[in-house]
Amino acid sequence: MRSALTSEKTTLLALVLGATLICGLPLMLLFKTGLTSDAGLDFGPLLEAFQSRSVQRALWHSIESSFLSALVATVLGTALALLVGLTDIRAKGLLVFLILLPMMIPPHVTAIAWIQALGPASPVLRWLGLAPEIGSTHPLYSREGLVLLLTLQHSPLVFLLVRASLRSFPRELSDAARISGARAALMLRRITLPLLAPALLAGFALAFVAALGNFGINALLGIPARYTTLPVLVWRRLASFGPDVLPNVAVISVILALVAFAAILVQSLLQRRMRNSLIGLPQDPLAISLGAKRPLVEAAVWIFVGFVLVLPAASLLATALVRTYGLPLSLATLTFENFQEVLWRQTVTLRAFANSTVIAGIAAAIIAVVSLYLGYFLTHRHAGKRRLAGLALTQSEVAFAVPGLVMSIAFILAFIRPLPVVNVSLYGTLWIILIAYASVFLAVGLKPVAAAFLQMDGSLEDAARVSGAGFFRRMNRIFAPLAAPSAASGAILVFLTAYNEITVSALLWSTGNETIGTTIFNYEDGGYTTLAAAMSAVVVLATVVIMLGMNMLAGRVPAGTIPWKD
């Protein structure tokens, strides 16, 4: 019994220490660099940064674009969630999958696809005779274009939150309203939307923070539009390689982190005031019959989904299938050379595919194992152990909430010097990207596992202890097999997110250690548009295949683990 207790304590302490080293410590170093000097706490560099016109302009652009896109994303995501969640439209499962698909597509791929879809050289619009004149300014190279793409990228996040909140409503609410003679519009205005207020606020805050830290869309649209945001300013400053570059970008990163923390804090405070206590078991909400309007509503929803998915995807594929960007797609110009180039000939793309596959796979596996043990302690009967595990969970959630570019700077500060004792430097290697992935995406893999442990009966633990099973035996023989499907689902989500990301690796990659995201961005930034399109098309296909593969786990994991499955 004593050895079992020792094993539990040792494992828990190792988990908390590990989370602190990869999640908490880098952020602490970032704030130490940005807010201290040799004399101690020093706000001078921070105040100096706030007085810089370039920082002021980038800060305003970040807040403005994030606020506007989050506001529109909240309206759009909520409208879609209400239609899917409360009405009798058909093919809901497929609709949910397609609505959430843009959330899984990397932002830089989304930007490239829409740039090619709506520009003067758009193969689809040229074929339809709707393309802007050659030489005209691209319509997306503006504040409005950037806000539009951020909205399309993040409205699925709001849709996901609002839909989940709708499914937690007791059916009696809508039944009582109907019995009282309330029509759908009145019920929506007086009951549904007020009760959804906390979820709407959470969705807005999530979309705001996601847009605040978005690098791909901000860079690919903001730079040509001369609409610089804080992530792009950090990227540009770090590329300058001046003698004081790290302290300089650390201060800007602190500003970015503070804005994100302020948004989360305001959301938390407002949610507490808006909280409503619901009585009754959650059930499927009452379906509102659209009657004769159903075909029109369904047509409108499918046209919107088709516009969001088909137009950019078709343009991306068409660009990848021509020899030179700007040529119309026809039998005379059709070629598969770009796909052959990125899949077989270009060593940088082959290396990027291999690097991303390996580090995303290893990060997903590590997070799956850590989540199994941490999930156990998060539901432990001993309050002290739950609190310690909660400390690790909190640090992982902070690392996930902070913009990815801020975490990149934090990891550069933490690992730019050789590690003590072993005297090995991780900076400039794949290992630093791997550790960053494990830090940033730990919360993604942990949530479904924690949900699975909450559903387990406490008598399992009692029976195992009475039988004399030690800690690791209980984990290996009972809890790990039961939570394995959720851990696998979380691992796939981690792999999918890490495989396609660019925000975290944008500042951590080096020659020989490229990732898929950085390679696509570099192709587009360097003018190799057809190669960027071909590589992006491959990534989109891989994303869809992985998402379809996740459907195979739907029957073996707790409800809600897979976002697009009930």
Protein backbone atom coordinates (compact mmCIF):
# COMPACT_ATOMS: atom_id res chain seq x y z
CA MET A 1 0.00 0.00 0.00
CA ARG A 2 2.85 2.40 0.86
CA SER A 3 4.59 1.74 -2.47
CA ALA A 4 1.28 2.35 -4.28
CA LEU A 5 0.87 5.71 -2.53
CA THR A 6 4.48 6.59 -3.32
CA SER A 7 3.90 5.73 -6.99
CA GLU A 8 0.82 7.95 -7.10
CA LYS A 9 2.60 10.90 -5.47
CA THR A 10 5.69 10.52 -7.64
CA THR A 11 3.62 10.33 -10.82
CA LEU A 12 1.49 13.33 -9.86
CA LEU A 13 4.52 15.44 -8.93
CA ALA A 14 6.21 14.49 -12.21
CA LEU A 15 3.11 15.54 -14.15
CA VAL A 16 2.83 18.89 -12.37
CA LEU A 17 6.57 19.56 -12.71
CA GLY A 18 6.48 18.67 -16.40
CA ALA A 19 3.50 20.96 -17.05
CA THR A 20 5.26 23.76 -15.17
CA LEU A 21 8.48 23.33 -17.15
CA ILE A 22 6.85 23.38 -20.60
CA CYS A 23 3.78 25.58 -19.95
CA GLY A 24 4.38 27.84 -16.97
CA LEU A 25 8.14 28.47 -17.01
CA PRO A 26 8.44 29.80 -20.61
CA LEU A 27 5.65 32.30 -19.98
CA MET A 28 7.26 33.35 -16.69
CA LEU A 29 10.54 33.98 -18.53
CA LEU A 30 8.68 35.99 -21.17
CA PHE A 31 7.10 38.27 -18.57
CA LYS A 32 10.41 38.49 -16.68
CA THR A 33 12.19 39.63 -19.85
CA GLY A 34 9.48 42.10 -20.79
CA LEU A 35 8.75 43.56 -17.36
CA THR A 36 12.05 43.51 -15.44
CA SER A 37 15.57 44.90 -15.66
CA ASP A 38 18.74 44.48 -13.57
CA ALA A 39 17.18 46.72 -10.93
CA GLY A 40 14.03 44.61 -10.63
CA LEU A 41 10.50 45.26 -11.83
CA ASP A 42 10.67 47.83 -14.62
CA PHE A 43 7.71 49.02 -16.73
CA GLY A 44 9.91 51.39 -18.71
CA PRO A 45 10.32 49.18 -21.81
CA LEU A 46 6.59 48.43 -21.77
CA LEU A 47 5.67 52.11 -21.58
CA GLU A 48 8.24 52.89 -24.27
CA ALA A 49 6.69 50.25 -26.53
CA PHE A 50 3.23 51.72 -25.97
CA GLN A 51 4.58 55.11 -27.09
CA SER A 52 5.93 53.68 -30.35
CA ARG A 53 3.72 54.62 -33.31
CA SER A 54 4.26 51.24 -35.00
CA VAL A 55 3.25 49.36 -31.85
CA GLN A 56 0.25 51.63 -31.27
CA ARG A 57 -0.89 51.14 -34.85
CA ALA A 58 -0.36 47.35 -34.71
CA LEU A 59 -2.14 47.12 -31.34
CA TRP A 60 -5.12 49.07 -32.65
CA HIS A 61 -5.26 46.96 -35.82
CA SER A 62 -5.14 43.77 -33.73
CA ILE A 63 -7.94 44.89 -31.39
CA GLU A 64 -10.04 46.33 -34.22
CA SER A 65 -9.83 43.32 -36.53
CA SER A 66 -10.24 40.84 -33.66
CA PHE A 67 -13.28 42.67 -32.24
CA LEU A 68 -15.04 43.10 -35.58
CA SER A 69 -14.38 39.53 -36.74
CA ALA A 70 -15.40 38.10 -33.35
CA LEU A 71 -18.62 40.12 -33.41
CA VAL A 72 -19.60 38.94 -36.90
CA ALA A 73 -18.44 35.38 -36.13
CA THR A 74 -20.67 35.35 -33.04
CA VAL A 75 -23.71 36.42 -35.08
CA LEU A 76 -22.96 33.98 -37.91
CA GLY A 77 -22.02 31.02 -35.68
CA THR A 78 -25.08 31.57 -33.46
CA ALA A 79 -27.46 31.77 -36.43
CA LEU A 80 -26.11 28.50 -37.84
CA ALA A 81 -26.27 26.82 -34.42
CA LEU A 82 -29.90 27.89 -33.94
CA LEU A 83 -30.86 26.64 -37.39
CA VAL A 84 -29.15 23.28 -36.91
CA GLY A 85 -30.03 22.91 -33.23
CA LEU A 86 -33.62 24.12 -33.10
CA THR A 87 -35.23 23.60 -36.51
CA ASP A 88 -36.24 20.57 -38.56
CA ILE A 89 -33.80 21.08 -41.43
CA ARG A 90 -32.48 17.83 -42.85
CA ALA A 91 -28.99 16.28 -43.15
CA LYS A 92 -27.87 17.85 -39.88
CA GLY A 93 -24.95 15.47 -39.37
CA LEU A 94 -23.41 16.35 -42.73
CA LEU A 95 -24.10 20.05 -42.21
CA VAL A 96 -22.35 20.07 -38.84
CA PHE A 97 -19.31 18.31 -40.34
CA LEU A 98 -19.09 20.82 -43.21
CA ILE A 99 -19.68 23.88 -41.00
CA LEU A 100 -16.84 22.81 -38.68
CA LEU A 101 -14.46 21.89 -41.52
CA PRO A 102 -13.02 25.45 -41.95
CA MET A 103 -12.00 25.39 -38.28
CA MET A 104 -9.72 22.42 -39.02
CA ILE A 105 -8.17 23.97 -42.15
CA PRO A 106 -4.97 25.93 -41.37
CA PRO A 107 -5.53 29.72 -41.47
CA HIS A 108 -2.72 30.30 -43.97
CA VAL A 109 -4.26 27.69 -46.30
CA THR A 110 -7.62 29.44 -45.90
CA ALA A 111 -5.98 32.76 -46.80
CA ILE A 112 -4.21 31.32 -49.85
CA ALA A 113 -7.41 29.66 -51.07
CA TRP A 114 -9.49 32.84 -50.79
CA ILE A 115 -6.75 35.02 -52.32
CA GLN A 116 -6.81 32.75 -55.35
CA ALA A 117 -10.61 32.50 -55.32
CA LEU A 118 -11.42 36.23 -55.42
CA GLY A 119 -8.37 37.77 -57.12
CA PRO A 120 -8.03 39.01 -60.71
CA ALA A 121 -6.32 35.72 -61.65
CA SER A 122 -9.03 33.54 -60.07
CA PRO A 123 -9.51 30.57 -62.42
CA VAL A 124 -13.10 30.04 -61.25
CA LEU A 125 -14.19 33.69 -61.50
CA ARG A 126 -12.43 34.08 -64.86
CA TRP A 127 -14.27 31.03 -66.14
CA LEU A 128 -17.54 32.60 -64.95
CA GLY A 129 -16.55 36.03 -66.33
CA LEU A 130 -16.74 37.62 -62.87
CA ALA A 131 -13.05 38.15 -62.07
CA PRO A 132 -11.78 41.67 -61.29
CA GLU A 133 -9.72 43.36 -63.98
CA ILE A 134 -6.10 42.25 -64.27
CA GLY A 135 -3.92 44.72 -62.38
CA SER A 136 -6.66 45.87 -60.02
CA THR A 137 -6.20 45.74 -56.26
CA HIS A 138 -7.17 42.43 -54.73
CA PRO A 139 -10.48 42.90 -52.85
CA LEU A 140 -9.20 40.95 -49.84
CA TYR A 141 -6.13 43.15 -49.34
CA SER A 142 -7.92 45.45 -46.90
CA ARG A 143 -9.16 45.63 -43.34
CA GLU A 144 -12.56 44.35 -44.45
CA GLY A 145 -11.02 41.41 -46.33
CA LEU A 146 -8.95 40.43 -43.32
CA VAL A 147 -12.00 40.66 -41.03
CA LEU A 148 -14.02 38.56 -43.48
CA LEU A 149 -11.52 35.69 -43.48
CA LEU A 150 -11.04 35.82 -39.71
CA THR A 151 -14.82 35.61 -39.41
CA LEU A 152 -15.07 32.56 -41.66
CA GLN A 153 -12.17 30.92 -39.82
CA HIS A 154 -13.56 31.40 -36.32
CA SER A 155 -17.36 31.31 -36.68
CA PRO A 156 -17.23 27.47 -36.37
CA LEU A 157 -15.82 27.95 -32.85
CA VAL A 158 -18.91 29.95 -31.88
CA PHE A 159 -21.16 27.45 -33.65
CA LEU A 160 -19.59 24.63 -31.63
CA LEU A 161 -20.06 26.37 -28.27
CA VAL A 162 -23.62 27.56 -28.91
CA ARG A 163 -24.70 24.17 -30.26
CA ALA A 164 -23.29 22.44 -27.17
CA SER A 165 -25.12 24.92 -24.94
CA LEU A 166 -28.38 24.32 -26.79
CA ARG A 167 -28.06 20.59 -26.22
CA SER A 168 -27.74 21.17 -22.46
CA PHE A 169 -31.13 22.93 -22.26
CA PRO A 170 -33.92 20.98 -20.55
CA ARG A 171 -36.69 20.16 -23.03
CA GLU A 172 -39.28 21.43 -20.52
CA LEU A 173 -38.30 25.05 -21.29
CA SER A 174 -39.46 24.94 -24.88
CA ASP A 175 -42.43 22.69 -24.04
CA ALA A 176 -43.71 25.18 -21.43
CA ALA A 177 -43.29 28.08 -23.84
CA ARG A 178 -45.21 26.28 -26.56
CA ILE A 179 -48.03 25.33 -24.19
CA SER A 180 -48.28 29.00 -23.18
CA GLY A 181 -48.83 29.88 -26.82
CA ALA A 182 -45.43 31.41 -27.54
CA ARG A 183 -44.36 31.34 -31.16
CA ALA A 184 -40.85 30.47 -32.28
CA ALA A 185 -39.67 34.09 -32.58
CA LEU A 186 -40.96 35.03 -29.12
CA MET A 187 -39.49 31.88 -27.55
CA LEU A 188 -36.16 32.65 -29.17
CA ARG A 189 -36.14 36.27 -27.96
CA ARG A 190 -37.49 35.74 -24.42
CA ILE A 191 -36.08 32.32 -23.46
CA THR A 192 -33.40 30.86 -25.73
CA LEU A 193 -31.13 33.87 -26.35
CA PRO A 194 -31.10 35.09 -22.72
CA LEU A 195 -30.17 31.59 -21.54
CA LEU A 196 -27.52 31.41 -24.27
CA ALA A 197 -25.89 34.68 -23.11
CA PRO A 198 -22.95 32.99 -21.29
CA ALA A 199 -22.27 30.75 -24.30
CA LEU A 200 -22.47 33.72 -26.69
CA LEU A 201 -20.01 35.66 -24.54
CA ALA A 202 -17.67 32.68 -24.36
CA GLY A 203 -17.88 32.26 -28.13
CA PHE A 204 -17.12 35.94 -28.70
CA ALA A 205 -14.13 35.83 -26.34
CA LEU A 206 -12.80 32.63 -27.95
CA ALA A 207 -13.14 34.10 -31.45
CA PHE A 208 -11.51 37.36 -30.27
CA VAL A 209 -8.49 35.62 -28.73
CA ALA A 210 -8.14 33.28 -31.73
CA ALA A 211 -8.18 36.23 -34.14
CA LEU A 212 -5.79 38.17 -31.92
CA GLY A 213 -3.14 35.45 -32.22
CA ASN A 214 -3.84 34.44 -35.82
CA PHE A 215 -0.68 34.75 -37.89
CA GLY A 216 -1.42 33.19 -41.29
CA ILE A 217 -4.39 35.35 -42.29
CA ASN A 218 -2.94 38.49 -40.68
CA ALA A 219 0.35 38.06 -42.56
CA LEU A 220 -0.91 36.99 -46.00
CA LEU A 221 -3.63 39.66 -46.15
CA GLY A 222 -2.36 42.30 -43.74
CA ILE A 223 1.12 42.77 -45.22
CA PRO A 224 -0.08 43.57 -48.80
CA ALA A 225 -2.84 45.76 -47.31
CA ARG A 226 -0.32 47.55 -45.03
CA TYR A 227 -2.55 46.60 -42.12
CA THR A 228 0.03 45.34 -39.65
CA THR A 229 -1.15 43.54 -36.51
CA LEU A 230 0.88 42.61 -33.43
CA PRO A 231 1.68 39.00 -34.51
CA VAL A 232 3.03 40.27 -37.84
CA LEU A 233 4.99 43.03 -36.10
CA VAL A 234 6.60 40.45 -33.78
CA TRP A 235 7.49 38.29 -36.79
CA ARG A 236 9.02 41.24 -38.63
CA ARG A 237 10.98 42.48 -35.61
CA LEU A 238 12.40 39.02 -34.94
CA ALA A 239 13.47 38.74 -38.58
CA SER A 240 15.55 41.92 -38.19
CA PHE A 241 18.12 40.12 -35.98
CA GLY A 242 19.21 43.27 -34.16
CA PRO A 243 21.24 43.18 -30.92
CA ASP A 244 18.20 43.92 -28.76
CA VAL A 245 15.69 41.95 -30.84
CA LEU A 246 14.68 39.44 -28.16
CA PRO A 247 13.90 41.97 -25.40
CA ASN A 248 12.11 44.09 -27.99
CA VAL A 249 9.81 41.32 -29.25
CA ALA A 250 9.37 40.04 -25.68
CA VAL A 251 7.83 43.40 -24.70
CA ILE A 252 5.48 43.33 -27.73
CA SER A 253 4.58 39.73 -26.92
CA VAL A 254 3.76 40.74 -23.34
CA ILE A 255 1.38 43.39 -24.75
CA LEU A 256 -0.27 40.74 -26.94
CA ALA A 257 -0.55 38.35 -23.99
CA LEU A 258 -2.00 41.06 -21.72
CA VAL A 259 -4.71 41.87 -24.27
CA ALA A 260 -5.60 38.16 -24.49
CA PHE A 261 -5.66 37.81 -20.69
CA ALA A 262 -7.81 40.94 -20.37
CA ALA A 263 -10.33 39.53 -22.84
CA ILE A 264 -10.49 36.22 -20.96
CA LEU A 265 -10.83 38.02 -17.60
CA VAL A 266 -13.66 40.26 -18.82
CA GLN A 267 -15.41 37.22 -20.27
CA SER A 268 -15.08 35.34 -16.98
CA LEU A 269 -16.44 38.25 -14.92
CA LEU A 270 -19.39 38.87 -17.23
CA GLN A 271 -20.22 35.16 -17.43
CA ARG A 272 -20.52 34.99 -13.65
CA ARG A 273 -23.09 37.78 -13.71
CA MET A 274 -25.00 36.18 -16.59
CA ARG A 275 -25.01 32.67 -15.18
CA ASN A 276 -28.40 30.96 -15.13
CA SER A 277 -29.27 27.85 -13.13
CA LEU A 278 -31.27 25.31 -15.13
CA ILE A 279 -33.33 22.57 -13.54
CA GLY A 280 -33.94 19.31 -15.38
CA LEU A 281 -32.04 16.80 -17.44
CA PRO A 282 -30.61 17.96 -20.77
CA GLN A 283 -32.51 16.58 -23.75
CA ASP A 284 -32.81 17.26 -27.43
CA PRO A 285 -34.41 20.71 -27.75
CA LEU A 286 -37.83 20.93 -29.33
CA ALA A 287 -37.53 21.09 -33.12
CA ILE A 288 -39.18 24.18 -34.60
CA SER A 289 -41.03 23.27 -37.77
CA LEU A 290 -40.15 25.56 -40.66
CA GLY A 291 -43.13 24.38 -42.66
CA ALA A 292 -43.22 25.65 -46.22
CA LYS A 293 -40.10 27.76 -45.60
CA ARG A 294 -37.91 24.72 -44.98
CA PRO A 295 -36.75 24.26 -48.61
CA LEU A 296 -35.80 27.96 -48.83
CA VAL A 297 -33.93 27.89 -45.51
CA GLU A 298 -32.13 24.68 -46.45
CA ALA A 299 -31.19 26.14 -49.84
CA ALA A 300 -29.80 29.28 -48.18
CA VAL A 301 -27.73 27.25 -45.69
CA TRP A 302 -26.34 24.95 -48.37
CA ILE A 303 -25.53 27.87 -50.68
CA PHE A 304 -23.62 29.52 -47.84
CA VAL A 305 -21.75 26.31 -46.98
CA GLY A 306 -21.02 25.73 -50.65
CA PHE A 307 -19.71 29.28 -51.05
CA VAL A 308 -17.45 28.98 -48.01
CA LEU A 309 -16.07 25.56 -48.99
CA VAL A 310 -16.43 24.96 -52.73
CA LEU A 311 -15.30 28.31 -54.18
CA PRO A 312 -11.93 28.50 -52.36
CA ALA A 313 -11.33 24.74 -52.69
CA ALA A 314 -12.04 24.82 -56.42
CA SER A 315 -9.81 27.85 -56.90
CA LEU A 316 -7.02 26.24 -54.86
CA LEU A 317 -7.19 23.06 -56.93
CA ALA A 318 -7.43 24.96 -60.21
CA THR A 319 -4.33 27.01 -59.34
CA ALA A 320 -2.46 23.84 -58.42
CA LEU A 321 -3.30 22.29 -61.79
CA VAL A 322 -1.83 25.01 -64.06
CA ARG A 323 1.81 25.63 -64.90
CA THR A 324 1.80 29.35 -64.08
CA TYR A 325 -0.43 31.33 -61.77
CA GLY A 326 -2.95 33.35 -63.76
CA LEU A 327 -3.46 30.86 -66.57
CA PRO A 328 -7.06 29.68 -67.05
CA LEU A 329 -7.62 26.01 -66.35
CA SER A 330 -8.24 24.06 -69.56
CA LEU A 331 -7.13 20.83 -71.19
CA ALA A 332 -4.24 22.73 -72.77
CA THR A 333 -2.98 24.13 -69.46
CA LEU A 334 -3.83 21.15 -67.21
CA THR A 335 -0.77 19.66 -65.50
CA PHE A 336 0.10 17.60 -62.45
CA GLU A 337 3.65 18.94 -62.36
CA ASN A 338 3.05 21.01 -59.23
CA PHE A 339 1.86 17.99 -57.26
CA GLN A 340 4.81 15.94 -58.51
CA GLU A 341 7.11 18.79 -57.52
CA VAL A 342 5.87 19.08 -53.92
CA LEU A 343 5.35 15.35 -53.34
CA TRP A 344 8.44 13.85 -54.99
CA ARG A 345 11.01 16.38 -56.23
CA GLN A 346 11.29 19.27 -53.78
CA THR A 347 13.41 18.13 -50.84
CA VAL A 348 12.13 20.98 -48.67
CA THR A 349 8.49 19.87 -49.04
CA LEU A 350 9.32 16.21 -48.49
CA ARG A 351 11.28 17.17 -45.39
CA ALA A 352 8.42 19.41 -44.19
CA PHE A 353 5.87 16.61 -44.58
CA ALA A 354 8.18 14.22 -42.72
CA ASN A 355 8.99 16.73 -39.97
CA SER A 356 5.35 17.68 -39.36
CA THR A 357 4.20 14.06 -39.38
CA VAL A 358 6.88 12.98 -36.91
CA ILE A 359 6.66 15.83 -34.40
CA ALA A 360 2.84 16.07 -34.56
CA GLY A 361 2.63 12.28 -34.09
CA ILE A 362 5.07 12.24 -31.17
CA ALA A 363 3.35 15.23 -29.53
CA ALA A 364 -0.05 13.54 -29.91
CA ALA A 365 1.27 10.29 -28.39
CA ILE A 366 2.92 12.07 -25.46
CA ILE A 367 -0.20 14.12 -24.76
CA ALA A 368 -2.40 11.00 -24.93
CA VAL A 369 -0.29 9.23 -22.28
CA VAL A 370 0.01 12.30 -20.05
CA SER A 371 -3.73 12.94 -20.35
CA LEU A 372 -4.56 9.42 -19.16
CA TYR A 373 -2.64 9.92 -15.92
CA LEU A 374 -3.54 13.58 -15.42
CA GLY A 375 -7.21 12.84 -16.11
CA TYR A 376 -7.14 10.22 -13.36
CA PHE A 377 -5.80 12.72 -10.82
CA LEU A 378 -8.25 15.44 -11.89
CA THR A 379 -11.10 13.20 -10.66
CA HIS A 380 -9.23 11.73 -7.67
CA ARG A 381 -11.17 11.42 -4.41
CA HIS A 382 -8.31 13.12 -2.51
CA ALA A 383 -8.83 16.91 -2.68
CA GLY A 384 -5.11 17.70 -2.43
CA LYS A 385 -4.28 15.57 -5.44
CA ARG A 386 -7.14 17.10 -7.40
CA ARG A 387 -5.80 20.57 -6.64
CA LEU A 388 -2.27 19.64 -7.75
CA ALA A 389 -3.61 18.13 -10.97
CA GLY A 390 -5.74 21.25 -11.40
CA LEU A 391 -2.56 23.34 -11.27
CA ALA A 392 -1.19 21.40 -14.23
CA LEU A 393 -4.52 21.75 -16.05
CA THR A 394 -4.61 25.51 -15.47
CA GLN A 395 -1.10 25.98 -16.84
CA SER A 396 -1.96 23.94 -19.94
CA GLU A 397 -5.13 25.98 -20.52
CA VAL A 398 -3.19 29.25 -20.19
CA ALA A 399 -0.59 28.00 -22.69
CA PHE A 400 -3.41 27.14 -25.11
CA ALA A 401 -5.26 30.43 -24.60
CA VAL A 402 -2.19 32.64 -25.10
CA PRO A 403 -1.56 33.45 -28.78
CA GLY A 404 0.77 30.92 -30.39
CA LEU A 405 3.30 33.54 -31.46
CA VAL A 406 3.63 34.64 -27.83
CA MET A 407 4.41 31.04 -26.84
CA SER A 408 6.99 30.91 -29.63
CA ILE A 409 8.83 33.91 -28.16
CA ALA A 410 8.53 32.36 -24.70
CA PHE A 411 10.16 29.14 -25.93
CA ILE A 412 12.94 31.04 -27.68
CA LEU A 413 13.72 32.79 -24.38
CA ALA A 414 13.55 29.50 -22.46
CA PHE A 415 15.70 27.41 -24.81
CA ILE A 416 17.99 29.81 -26.67
CA ARG A 417 20.78 28.90 -24.24
CA PRO A 418 22.07 25.32 -23.86
CA LEU A 419 20.27 23.25 -21.24
CA PRO A 420 22.06 23.15 -17.89
CA VAL A 421 23.99 19.99 -16.92
CA VAL A 422 23.70 18.32 -20.35
CA ASN A 423 24.89 21.48 -22.20
CA VAL A 424 22.68 20.71 -25.22
CA SER A 425 20.91 23.46 -27.16
CA LEU A 426 17.38 22.81 -28.42
CA TYR A 427 17.02 26.12 -30.23
CA GLY A 428 17.08 25.67 -34.00
CA THR A 429 16.10 22.00 -33.79
CA LEU A 430 12.86 20.07 -34.25
CA TRP A 431 12.87 19.29 -30.54
CA ILE A 432 11.93 22.84 -29.54
CA ILE A 433 8.92 22.70 -31.91
CA LEU A 434 7.94 19.32 -30.44
CA ILE A 435 8.07 20.66 -26.87
CA ALA A 436 6.11 23.75 -27.94
CA TYR A 437 3.42 21.52 -29.49
CA ALA A 438 3.21 19.44 -26.31
CA SER A 439 2.81 22.64 -24.28
CA VAL A 440 0.29 24.47 -26.45
CA PHE A 441 -1.92 21.49 -27.35
CA LEU A 442 -1.92 19.60 -24.03
CA ALA A 443 -5.29 21.12 -23.13
CA VAL A 444 -6.77 19.90 -26.45
CA GLY A 445 -5.92 16.26 -25.70
CA LEU A 446 -6.75 16.47 -22.00
CA LYS A 447 -10.35 17.67 -22.23
CA PRO A 448 -11.92 14.51 -23.76
CA VAL A 449 -9.95 12.27 -21.37
CA ALA A 450 -11.05 14.29 -18.33
CA ALA A 451 -14.66 13.99 -19.55
CA ALA A 452 -14.25 10.21 -19.79
CA PHE A 453 -12.91 9.92 -16.21
CA LEU A 454 -15.82 12.00 -14.90
CA GLN A 455 -18.20 9.36 -16.26
CA MET A 456 -16.46 6.43 -14.55
CA ASP A 457 -17.98 4.83 -11.45
CA GLY A 458 -15.93 5.31 -8.26
CA SER A 459 -16.57 1.67 -7.32
CA LEU A 460 -14.01 0.63 -9.95
CA GLU A 461 -11.28 2.22 -7.85
CA ASP A 462 -12.59 0.63 -4.65
CA ALA A 463 -12.78 -2.84 -6.15
CA ALA A 464 -9.24 -2.59 -7.54
CA ARG A 465 -7.82 -1.40 -4.23
CA VAL A 466 -9.58 -4.18 -2.30
CA SER A 467 -8.09 -6.69 -4.73
CA GLY A 468 -4.62 -5.34 -3.90
CA ALA A 469 -3.92 -3.73 -7.29
CA GLY A 470 -1.22 -1.07 -7.15
CA PHE A 471 -1.41 2.30 -8.88
CA PHE A 472 0.18 1.35 -12.19
CA ARG A 473 -1.71 -1.95 -12.30
CA ARG A 474 -5.00 -0.11 -11.79
CA MET A 475 -4.11 2.35 -14.51
CA ASN A 476 -2.92 -0.28 -17.01
CA ARG A 477 -5.66 -2.84 -16.44
CA ILE A 478 -8.74 -0.72 -15.66
CA PHE A 479 -8.62 3.02 -16.28
CA ALA A 480 -6.37 3.27 -19.32
CA PRO A 481 -8.41 0.76 -21.38
CA LEU A 482 -11.65 2.54 -20.45
CA ALA A 483 -10.30 6.01 -21.29
CA ALA A 484 -8.25 4.87 -24.31
CA PRO A 485 -10.90 5.76 -26.95
CA SER A 486 -11.15 9.31 -25.58
CA ALA A 487 -7.36 9.57 -25.40
CA ALA A 488 -7.15 8.39 -29.02
CA SER A 489 -9.78 10.94 -30.07
CA GLY A 490 -7.88 13.70 -28.26
CA ALA A 491 -4.61 12.54 -29.81
CA ILE A 492 -6.12 12.72 -33.30
CA LEU A 493 -7.35 16.26 -32.61
CA VAL A 494 -3.85 17.18 -31.39
CA PHE A 495 -2.23 15.61 -34.44
CA LEU A 496 -4.64 17.35 -36.79
CA THR A 497 -4.05 20.74 -35.14
CA ALA A 498 -0.27 20.40 -34.86
CA TYR A 499 0.16 18.89 -38.31
CA ASN A 500 -1.30 21.96 -40.00
CA GLU A 501 -0.31 24.81 -37.68
CA ILE A 502 1.96 27.74 -38.47
CA THR A 503 1.49 30.18 -35.58
CA VAL A 504 3.66 28.25 -33.11
CA SER A 505 6.36 27.15 -35.55
CA ALA A 506 6.56 30.44 -37.50
CA LEU A 507 9.39 31.69 -35.26
CA LEU A 508 10.86 28.33 -34.20
CA TRP A 509 11.66 26.67 -37.52
CA SER A 510 15.09 26.74 -39.17
CA THR A 511 16.62 25.42 -42.36
CA GLY A 512 16.31 21.64 -42.32
CA ASN A 513 13.56 21.81 -39.68
CA GLU A 514 10.71 23.19 -41.75
CA THR A 515 7.08 22.28 -41.07
CA ILE A 516 4.21 22.04 -43.52
CA GLY A 517 2.78 25.36 -42.38
CA THR A 518 6.01 27.32 -42.68
CA THR A 519 6.81 25.78 -46.08
CA ILE A 520 3.41 26.69 -47.55
CA PHE A 521 3.73 30.22 -46.14
CA ASN A 522 7.25 30.59 -47.55
CA TYR A 523 6.13 29.36 -50.98
CA GLU A 524 3.29 31.90 -51.10
CA ASP A 525 5.43 34.69 -49.66
CA GLY A 526 8.18 33.95 -52.20
CA GLY A 527 5.82 34.02 -55.19
CA TYR A 528 5.66 30.26 -55.84
CA THR A 529 1.88 30.36 -55.83
CA THR A 530 1.21 27.16 -57.79
CA LEU A 531 3.46 25.12 -55.46
CA ALA A 532 1.79 26.68 -52.42
CA ALA A 533 -1.61 25.78 -53.89
CA ALA A 534 -0.57 22.19 -54.60
CA MET A 535 0.82 21.69 -51.11
CA SER A 536 -2.25 23.34 -49.59
CA ALA A 537 -4.55 21.03 -51.57
CA VAL A 538 -2.70 18.00 -50.22
CA VAL A 539 -3.04 19.35 -46.65
CA VAL A 540 -6.79 19.95 -47.07
CA LEU A 541 -7.26 16.41 -48.40
CA ALA A 542 -5.25 14.97 -45.49
CA THR A 543 -7.35 17.00 -43.03
CA VAL A 544 -10.63 15.70 -44.45
CA VAL A 545 -9.35 12.11 -44.41
CA ILE A 546 -8.27 12.39 -40.77
CA MET A 547 -11.60 13.95 -39.79
CA LEU A 548 -13.47 11.14 -41.52
CA GLY A 549 -11.23 8.66 -39.72
CA MET A 550 -12.25 10.21 -36.41
CA ASN A 551 -15.84 9.29 -37.18
CA MET A 552 -14.84 5.66 -36.70
CA LEU A 553 -14.25 6.42 -33.01
CA ALA A 554 -17.64 8.08 -32.55
CA GLY A 555 -19.31 5.02 -31.03
CA ARG A 556 -16.50 4.35 -28.56
CA VAL A 557 -15.97 7.75 -26.93
CA PRO A 558 -18.16 9.90 -24.64
CA ALA A 559 -20.73 12.06 -26.38
CA GLY A 560 -19.29 15.41 -27.45
CA THR A 561 -15.69 14.18 -27.65
CA ILE A 562 -15.69 14.47 -31.43
CA PRO A 563 -16.90 18.03 -32.18
CA TRP A 564 -19.08 17.22 -35.19
CA LYS A 565 -20.68 14.09 -33.67
CA ASP A 566 -23.42 14.01 -31.04
